[in-house]
Amino acid sequence: EVQLVESGGGLVQAGGSLRLSCAASGFTFDDYAIGWFRQAPGKEREGVSYFSSTDGDIYYVDSVKGRFTISADNAKNTVYLQLSTLKPEDTAVYYCHAVGTAYWGKGTQVTVSS
């Protein structure tokens, strides 16, 4: 059974940092690239970052470039998203997703206070 489980969200002040984790089971990162998405209240879900272990391709949406860093630990089958210099507009539920599949995690809430 394929599962994606996010963790690491929380409440942080503006300028602070969090590290989100996406633990995958039932497949490996050689099978699928992993994307991080977020959805704020009243807004559409947007792609934040993407990582492919097969070709090393990495993507960041412009609004997080220089502040967020995606990485992976293949031994743990876990993808991380380091969130730094957080802003109130980063407040959202963050989801990980096996790109090209129907597999999504349930999300982890990130709240940034001003």
Protein backbone atom coordinates (compact mmCIF):
# COMPACT_ATOMS: atom_id res chain seq x y z
CA GLU A 1 0.00 0.00 0.00
CA VAL A 2 1.33 3.39 -0.97
CA GLN A 3 1.36 5.98 1.80
CA LEU A 4 2.70 9.48 2.18
CA VAL A 5 2.80 10.94 5.68
CA GLU A 6 3.73 14.56 6.33
CA SER A 7 4.97 15.93 9.63
CA GLY A 8 6.81 18.92 11.04
CA GLY A 9 4.22 21.65 10.70
CA GLY A 10 3.40 24.06 13.49
CA LEU A 11 3.02 27.65 14.60
CA VAL A 12 6.02 29.91 14.12
CA GLN A 13 6.68 33.64 14.12
CA ALA A 14 7.54 35.48 10.94
CA GLY A 15 11.22 35.02 10.15
CA GLY A 16 11.28 31.60 11.77
CA SER A 17 11.96 28.16 10.33
CA LEU A 18 10.37 24.74 10.14
CA ARG A 19 11.38 21.46 8.55
CA LEU A 20 8.64 19.41 6.97
CA SER A 21 9.06 15.69 6.35
CA CYS A 22 7.28 13.42 3.89
CA ALA A 23 7.75 9.75 4.71
CA ALA A 24 6.87 7.44 1.84
CA SER A 25 6.03 3.75 1.97
CA GLY A 26 4.97 1.32 -0.71
CA PHE A 27 7.24 2.84 -3.34
CA THR A 28 10.68 4.42 -3.67
CA PHE A 29 11.81 7.76 -5.01
CA ASP A 30 13.22 5.97 -8.04
CA ASP A 31 9.61 5.29 -9.02
CA TYR A 32 8.17 8.78 -8.69
CA ALA A 33 9.26 12.34 -8.18
CA ILE A 34 7.94 14.00 -5.04
CA GLY A 35 6.28 17.40 -4.97
CA TRP A 36 5.33 19.68 -2.10
CA PHE A 37 2.11 21.63 -2.50
CA ARG A 38 0.26 24.01 -0.23
CA GLN A 39 -3.26 25.29 0.13
CA ALA A 40 -4.20 28.39 2.07
CA PRO A 41 -7.79 29.05 3.16
CA GLY A 42 -9.90 30.23 0.24
CA LYS A 43 -7.11 29.65 -2.26
CA GLU A 44 -6.27 26.98 -4.79
CA ARG A 45 -3.61 24.38 -4.08
CA GLU A 46 -0.27 25.48 -5.53
CA GLY A 47 2.96 23.68 -6.26
CA VAL A 48 5.79 24.81 -4.00
CA SER A 49 8.72 22.54 -4.78
CA TYR A 50 9.57 19.37 -6.65
CA PHE A 51 12.37 16.83 -6.50
CA SER A 52 13.26 13.99 -8.83
CA SER A 53 15.92 11.55 -7.63
CA THR A 54 16.31 9.97 -11.05
CA ASP A 55 17.63 13.09 -12.79
CA GLY A 56 18.28 15.43 -9.84
CA ASP A 57 15.74 17.92 -11.15
CA ILE A 58 14.60 20.46 -8.55
CA TYR A 59 11.93 23.16 -8.83
CA TYR A 60 10.79 26.00 -6.60
CA VAL A 61 7.93 28.39 -7.14
CA ASP A 62 9.24 31.96 -7.34
CA SER A 63 7.67 33.02 -4.05
CA VAL A 64 9.81 30.58 -2.04
CA LYS A 65 13.10 30.66 -3.95
CA GLY A 66 15.99 31.37 -1.60
CA ARG A 67 13.88 30.56 1.46
CA PHE A 68 12.80 26.92 1.05
CA THR A 69 15.06 23.94 0.36
CA ILE A 70 13.96 20.47 -0.73
CA SER A 71 16.09 17.42 -0.02
CA ALA A 72 15.77 13.66 0.26
CA ASP A 73 17.12 10.81 2.33
CA ASN A 74 16.76 7.75 0.12
CA ALA A 75 17.74 5.41 2.96
CA LYS A 76 14.76 6.68 4.97
CA ASN A 77 12.53 7.10 1.90
CA THR A 78 11.81 10.60 3.17
CA VAL A 79 11.71 13.96 1.44
CA TYR A 80 12.21 17.13 3.45
CA LEU A 81 11.23 20.72 2.87
CA GLN A 82 13.21 23.21 4.93
CA LEU A 83 11.20 26.40 5.37
CA SER A 84 13.22 29.45 6.38
CA THR A 85 12.54 33.17 6.70
CA LEU A 86 8.86 32.34 6.91
CA LYS A 87 6.24 34.95 6.10
CA PRO A 88 2.56 35.11 7.13
CA GLU A 89 1.63 34.43 3.50
CA ASP A 90 3.31 31.02 3.81
CA THR A 91 0.49 29.96 6.12
CA ALA A 92 -1.19 26.93 4.57
CA VAL A 93 -1.65 23.20 4.76
CA TYR A 94 1.37 21.61 3.12
CA TYR A 95 0.96 18.34 1.23
CA CYS A 96 3.39 15.97 -0.43
CA HIS A 97 2.47 14.17 -3.61
CA ALA A 98 3.94 11.42 -5.75
CA VAL A 99 3.98 13.26 -9.07
CA GLY A 100 1.93 11.66 -11.81
CA THR A 101 -0.06 9.50 -9.41
CA ALA A 102 -3.17 9.85 -7.28
CA TYR A 103 -1.14 9.55 -4.08
CA TRP A 104 -1.26 12.47 -1.66
CA GLY A 105 -0.51 12.81 2.02
CA LYS A 106 -3.08 14.21 4.42
CA GLY A 107 -1.13 17.40 4.97
CA THR A 108 0.53 19.28 7.80
CA GLN A 109 -0.51 22.75 8.94
CA VAL A 110 2.00 25.60 8.87
CA THR A 111 0.92 28.82 10.53
CA VAL A 112 3.15 31.89 10.50
CA SER A 113 2.23 34.73 12.84
CA SER A 114 3.19 38.33 12.14
